[in-house]
Amino acid sequence: MIIYWCLFFLTILKAVLFSTGGFGPLPSLHADFLANGWATEQQFAEAIAIGQIAPGPNGLWVVSLANLAGGMTGAVLGAIALILPPFFILLVRKFYARIRFYPSTQGILDGMVLVVSTFSIVVLATIYFNSSPDIILLFITAASAFLAYTKRISVNLILIISAAAGALFFH
């Protein structure tokens, strides 16, 4: 099997960029690696197991998967793809202090919030309507969205309260 390394790297980078860390890249990598024939179900299981028992952040399973799929070259490309997004955030943070008061900066951020919010609503609506709809779940969702919109409570606190409410009502 021939691996096109640029495509391999960009596939991992895409999965890492559009996820929230940990096992966030799993669905995207699973679909792409299997479709390209780069990895098997067994290799995914092994990579996740290695990631669980290895010290450090649990997102490092991606490097194990890249190693199992592409050897040392795959591991190096996987590691680079895994660490690029945090470095990008640091770079953005450094320059944001200089441009934060420009109206266009606020417009870009407002647009990003709109895109992320819309994406979240679509995903949540899909999950909600594909499950058995429940009025309590709808209330938790609406209350969480309202609290996030008002920006009076930390999003992390909203997530914790929502998770606790869901566990309480749907145990």
C-alpha atoms as a PDB file:
ATOM      1  CA  MET A   1       0.000   0.000   0.000  1.00  0.00           C
ATOM      2  CA  ILE A   2       1.290   3.442  -0.942  1.00  0.00           C
ATOM      3  CA  ILE A   3       0.721   6.256   1.534  1.00  0.00           C
ATOM      4  CA  TYR A   4       0.718   9.801   0.225  1.00  0.00           C
ATOM      5  CA  TRP A   5       2.340  11.499   3.198  1.00  0.00           C
ATOM      6  CA  CYS A   6       0.981  14.968   2.520  1.00  0.00           C
ATOM      7  CA  LEU A   7      -2.578  13.615   2.431  1.00  0.00           C
ATOM      8  CA  PHE A   8      -1.865  11.506   5.519  1.00  0.00           C
ATOM      9  CA  PHE A   9      -0.630  14.571   7.434  1.00  0.00           C
ATOM     10  CA  LEU A  10      -3.494  16.809   6.269  1.00  0.00           C
ATOM     11  CA  THR A  11      -6.045  14.140   7.218  1.00  0.00           C
ATOM     12  CA  ILE A  12      -4.717  14.000  10.771  1.00  0.00           C
ATOM     13  CA  LEU A  13      -4.417  17.790  10.969  1.00  0.00           C
ATOM     14  CA  LYS A  14      -8.026  18.206   9.791  1.00  0.00           C
ATOM     15  CA  ALA A  15      -9.285  15.743  12.389  1.00  0.00           C
ATOM     16  CA  VAL A  16      -7.332  17.442  15.174  1.00  0.00           C
ATOM     17  CA  LEU A  17      -8.257  20.986  14.111  1.00  0.00           C
ATOM     18  CA  PHE A  18     -11.977  20.242  14.033  1.00  0.00           C
ATOM     19  CA  SER A  19     -12.193  18.413  17.329  1.00  0.00           C
ATOM     20  CA  THR A  20     -11.927  19.209  20.997  1.00  0.00           C
ATOM     21  CA  GLY A  21      -9.003  16.972  21.920  1.00  0.00           C
ATOM     22  CA  GLY A  22      -8.867  13.593  23.576  1.00  0.00           C
ATOM     23  CA  PHE A  23     -11.053  11.285  21.526  1.00  0.00           C
ATOM     24  CA  GLY A  24     -12.568  14.136  19.502  1.00  0.00           C
ATOM     25  CA  PRO A  25     -10.628  13.222  16.332  1.00  0.00           C
ATOM     26  CA  LEU A  26     -11.738   9.581  16.538  1.00  0.00           C
ATOM     27  CA  PRO A  27     -14.813   9.676  14.246  1.00  0.00           C
ATOM     28  CA  SER A  28     -13.052  11.649  11.541  1.00  0.00           C
ATOM     29  CA  LEU A  29      -9.844   9.617  11.670  1.00  0.00           C
ATOM     30  CA  HIS A  30     -11.796   6.368  11.787  1.00  0.00           C
ATOM     31  CA  ALA A  31     -13.753   7.232   8.660  1.00  0.00           C
ATOM     32  CA  ASP A  32     -10.784   8.641   6.736  1.00  0.00           C
ATOM     33  CA  PHE A  33      -8.185   6.031   7.703  1.00  0.00           C
ATOM     34  CA  LEU A  34     -10.515   3.134   6.927  1.00  0.00           C
ATOM     35  CA  ALA A  35     -11.636   4.713   3.640  1.00  0.00           C
ATOM     36  CA  ASN A  36      -8.025   5.183   2.543  1.00  0.00           C
ATOM     37  CA  GLY A  37      -6.996   1.729   3.742  1.00  0.00           C
ATOM     38  CA  TRP A  38      -4.377   3.174   6.091  1.00  0.00           C
ATOM     39  CA  ALA A  39      -5.583   1.394   9.217  1.00  0.00           C
ATOM     40  CA  THR A  40      -7.741  -1.490  10.355  1.00  0.00           C
ATOM     41  CA  GLU A  41     -10.240  -1.770  13.198  1.00  0.00           C
ATOM     42  CA  GLN A  42      -7.596  -3.740  15.102  1.00  0.00           C
ATOM     43  CA  GLN A  43      -5.087  -0.913  14.741  1.00  0.00           C
ATOM     44  CA  PHE A  44      -7.662   1.571  16.056  1.00  0.00           C
ATOM     45  CA  ALA A  45      -8.287  -0.636  19.079  1.00  0.00           C
ATOM     46  CA  GLU A  46      -4.551  -0.985  19.713  1.00  0.00           C
ATOM     47  CA  ALA A  47      -3.919   2.757  19.331  1.00  0.00           C
ATOM     48  CA  ILE A  48      -6.695   3.632  21.767  1.00  0.00           C
ATOM     49  CA  ALA A  49      -5.442   1.021  24.253  1.00  0.00           C
ATOM     50  CA  ILE A  50      -1.900   2.395  23.999  1.00  0.00           C
ATOM     51  CA  GLY A  51      -3.253   5.923  24.451  1.00  0.00           C
ATOM     52  CA  GLN A  52      -5.119   4.858  27.586  1.00  0.00           C
ATOM     53  CA  ILE A  53      -2.155   3.210  29.304  1.00  0.00           C
ATOM     54  CA  ALA A  54       0.551   5.655  28.182  1.00  0.00           C
ATOM     55  CA  PRO A  55       1.344   8.636  30.392  1.00  0.00           C
ATOM     56  CA  GLY A  56       0.390  12.116  29.231  1.00  0.00           C
ATOM     57  CA  PRO A  57      -2.659  13.574  27.519  1.00  0.00           C
ATOM     58  CA  ASN A  58      -5.172  11.068  26.181  1.00  0.00           C
ATOM     59  CA  GLY A  59      -5.045  12.661  22.718  1.00  0.00           C
ATOM     60  CA  LEU A  60      -1.658  11.037  22.139  1.00  0.00           C
ATOM     61  CA  TRP A  61      -3.413   7.909  20.878  1.00  0.00           C
ATOM     62  CA  VAL A  62      -3.390   9.732  17.524  1.00  0.00           C
ATOM     63  CA  VAL A  63       0.404   9.371  17.374  1.00  0.00           C
ATOM     64  CA  SER A  64       0.094   5.667  18.170  1.00  0.00           C
ATOM     65  CA  LEU A  65      -2.452   5.254  15.380  1.00  0.00           C
ATOM     66  CA  ALA A  66      -0.257   7.156  12.952  1.00  0.00           C
ATOM     67  CA  ASN A  67       2.672   4.915  13.926  1.00  0.00           C
ATOM     68  CA  LEU A  68       0.650   1.731  13.460  1.00  0.00           C
ATOM     69  CA  ALA A  69      -0.614   2.979  10.093  1.00  0.00           C
ATOM     70  CA  GLY A  70       2.541   4.562   8.716  1.00  0.00           C
ATOM     71  CA  GLY A  71       5.503   3.548  10.828  1.00  0.00           C
ATOM     72  CA  MET A  72       7.957   6.105  12.149  1.00  0.00           C
ATOM     73  CA  THR A  73       7.182   8.575   9.341  1.00  0.00           C
ATOM     74  CA  GLY A  74       3.490   8.351  10.227  1.00  0.00           C
ATOM     75  CA  ALA A  75       4.254   8.851  13.927  1.00  0.00           C
ATOM     76  CA  VAL A  76       6.317  11.966  13.260  1.00  0.00           C
ATOM     77  CA  LEU A  77       3.652  13.424  10.958  1.00  0.00           C
ATOM     78  CA  GLY A  78       0.956  12.550  13.485  1.00  0.00           C
ATOM     79  CA  ALA A  79       2.867  14.236  16.300  1.00  0.00           C
ATOM     80  CA  ILE A  80       3.407  17.375  14.234  1.00  0.00           C
ATOM     81  CA  ALA A  81      -0.279  17.477  13.245  1.00  0.00           C
ATOM     82  CA  LEU A  82      -1.253  17.013  16.882  1.00  0.00           C
ATOM     83  CA  ILE A  83       0.863  19.891  18.218  1.00  0.00           C
ATOM     84  CA  LEU A  84       0.287  22.444  15.447  1.00  0.00           C
ATOM     85  CA  PRO A  85      -3.192  23.621  16.592  1.00  0.00           C
ATOM     86  CA  PRO A  86      -2.051  24.613  20.124  1.00  0.00           C
ATOM     87  CA  PHE A  87       0.905  26.513  18.649  1.00  0.00           C
ATOM     88  CA  PHE A  88      -1.484  28.258  16.273  1.00  0.00           C
ATOM     89  CA  ILE A  89      -3.634  29.305  19.244  1.00  0.00           C
ATOM     90  CA  LEU A  90      -0.557  30.724  20.993  1.00  0.00           C
ATOM     91  CA  LEU A  91       0.341  32.678  17.864  1.00  0.00           C
ATOM     92  CA  VAL A  92      -3.195  34.043  17.556  1.00  0.00           C
ATOM     93  CA  ARG A  93      -3.192  34.974  21.245  1.00  0.00           C
ATOM     94  CA  LYS A  94       0.044  36.915  20.852  1.00  0.00           C
ATOM     95  CA  PHE A  95      -1.300  39.053  18.011  1.00  0.00           C
ATOM     96  CA  TYR A  96      -4.831  39.342  19.348  1.00  0.00           C
ATOM     97  CA  ALA A  97      -3.669  41.729  22.091  1.00  0.00           C
ATOM     98  CA  ARG A  98      -2.570  44.150  19.365  1.00  0.00           C
ATOM     99  CA  ILE A  99      -5.784  44.041  17.310  1.00  0.00           C
ATOM    100  CA  ARG A 100      -8.529  43.322  19.832  1.00  0.00           C
ATOM    101  CA  PHE A 101      -9.960  46.842  19.774  1.00  0.00           C
ATOM    102  CA  TYR A 102     -10.465  47.016  16.002  1.00  0.00           C
ATOM    103  CA  PRO A 103     -14.110  46.697  14.933  1.00  0.00           C
ATOM    104  CA  SER A 104     -13.197  44.174  12.242  1.00  0.00           C
ATOM    105  CA  THR A 105     -11.624  41.913  14.877  1.00  0.00           C
ATOM    106  CA  GLN A 106     -14.835  41.912  16.874  1.00  0.00           C
ATOM    107  CA  GLY A 107     -16.795  41.250  13.668  1.00  0.00           C
ATOM    108  CA  ILE A 108     -14.655  38.220  12.872  1.00  0.00           C
ATOM    109  CA  LEU A 109     -15.074  36.879  16.402  1.00  0.00           C
ATOM    110  CA  ASP A 110     -18.834  37.443  16.284  1.00  0.00           C
ATOM    111  CA  GLY A 111     -18.941  35.565  12.992  1.00  0.00           C
ATOM    112  CA  MET A 112     -16.960  32.677  14.468  1.00  0.00           C
ATOM    113  CA  VAL A 113     -19.320  32.515  17.444  1.00  0.00           C
ATOM    114  CA  LEU A 114     -22.266  32.432  15.027  1.00  0.00           C
ATOM    115  CA  VAL A 115     -20.726  29.596  12.992  1.00  0.00           C
ATOM    116  CA  VAL A 116     -19.831  27.522  16.060  1.00  0.00           C
ATOM    117  CA  SER A 117     -23.250  28.152  17.623  1.00  0.00           C
ATOM    118  CA  THR A 118     -25.062  27.202  14.427  1.00  0.00           C
ATOM    119  CA  PHE A 119     -22.961  24.072  14.036  1.00  0.00           C
ATOM    120  CA  SER A 120     -23.672  23.123  17.650  1.00  0.00           C
ATOM    121  CA  ILE A 121     -27.404  23.676  17.192  1.00  0.00           C
ATOM    122  CA  VAL A 122     -27.478  21.516  14.062  1.00  0.00           C
ATOM    123  CA  VAL A 123     -25.537  18.701  15.753  1.00  0.00           C
ATOM    124  CA  LEU A 124     -27.653  18.881  18.891  1.00  0.00           C
ATOM    125  CA  ALA A 125     -30.888  18.973  16.885  1.00  0.00           C
ATOM    126  CA  THR A 126     -29.772  15.928  14.902  1.00  0.00           C
ATOM    127  CA  ILE A 127     -28.947  14.042  18.086  1.00  0.00           C
ATOM    128  CA  TYR A 128     -32.193  15.142  19.722  1.00  0.00           C
ATOM    129  CA  PHE A 129     -34.478  14.191  16.840  1.00  0.00           C
ATOM    130  CA  ASN A 130     -32.680  10.884  16.238  1.00  0.00           C
ATOM    131  CA  SER A 131     -33.257   9.941  19.860  1.00  0.00           C
ATOM    132  CA  SER A 132     -36.572   9.698  21.657  1.00  0.00           C
ATOM    133  CA  PRO A 133     -37.536  13.358  22.194  1.00  0.00           C
ATOM    134  CA  ASP A 134     -38.145  14.279  25.808  1.00  0.00           C
ATOM    135  CA  ILE A 135     -39.471  17.554  27.260  1.00  0.00           C
ATOM    136  CA  ILE A 136     -36.864  17.569  30.057  1.00  0.00           C
ATOM    137  CA  LEU A 137     -34.029  17.222  27.525  1.00  0.00           C
ATOM    138  CA  LEU A 138     -35.525  20.044  25.474  1.00  0.00           C
ATOM    139  CA  PHE A 139     -35.728  22.227  28.606  1.00  0.00           C
ATOM    140  CA  ILE A 140     -32.093  21.500  29.570  1.00  0.00           C
ATOM    141  CA  THR A 141     -30.993  22.327  26.030  1.00  0.00           C
ATOM    142  CA  ALA A 142     -32.985  25.569  25.858  1.00  0.00           C
ATOM    143  CA  ALA A 143     -31.867  26.706  29.315  1.00  0.00           C
ATOM    144  CA  SER A 144     -28.225  25.946  28.482  1.00  0.00           C
ATOM    145  CA  ALA A 145     -28.447  27.848  25.196  1.00  0.00           C
ATOM    146  CA  PHE A 146     -30.074  30.833  26.907  1.00  0.00           C
ATOM    147  CA  LEU A 147     -27.461  30.927  29.669  1.00  0.00           C
ATOM    148  CA  ALA A 148     -24.656  30.673  27.109  1.00  0.00           C
ATOM    149  CA  TYR A 149     -26.232  33.483  25.084  1.00  0.00           C
ATOM    150  CA  THR A 150     -26.412  35.822  28.086  1.00  0.00           C
ATOM    151  CA  LYS A 151     -22.712  35.208  28.860  1.00  0.00           C
ATOM    152  CA  ARG A 152     -23.444  35.605  32.580  1.00  0.00           C
ATOM    153  CA  ILE A 153     -22.299  32.090  33.455  1.00  0.00           C
ATOM    154  CA  SER A 154     -19.159  30.309  32.300  1.00  0.00           C
ATOM    155  CA  VAL A 155     -19.769  27.822  29.498  1.00  0.00           C
ATOM    156  CA  ASN A 156     -17.877  25.212  31.511  1.00  0.00           C
ATOM    157  CA  LEU A 157     -20.261  25.708  34.429  1.00  0.00           C
ATOM    158  CA  ILE A 158     -23.234  25.440  32.063  1.00  0.00           C
ATOM    159  CA  LEU A 159     -21.851  22.143  30.735  1.00  0.00           C
ATOM    160  CA  ILE A 160     -21.360  20.777  34.246  1.00  0.00           C
ATOM    161  CA  ILE A 161     -24.853  21.804  35.362  1.00  0.00           C
ATOM    162  CA  SER A 162     -26.404  20.413  32.169  1.00  0.00           C
ATOM    163  CA  ALA A 163     -24.550  17.125  32.563  1.00  0.00           C
ATOM    164  CA  ALA A 164     -25.640  16.868  36.196  1.00  0.00           C
ATOM    165  CA  ALA A 165     -29.244  17.626  35.261  1.00  0.00           C
ATOM    166  CA  GLY A 166     -29.130  15.040  32.500  1.00  0.00           C
ATOM    167  CA  ALA A 167     -27.664  12.447  34.848  1.00  0.00           C
ATOM    168  CA  LEU A 168     -30.291  13.253  37.458  1.00  0.00           C
ATOM    169  CA  PHE A 169     -33.244  12.959  35.096  1.00  0.00           C
ATOM    170  CA  PHE A 170     -31.967  10.227  32.755  1.00  0.00           C
ATOM    171  CA  HIS A 171     -30.090   7.846  35.062  1.00  0.00           C
END
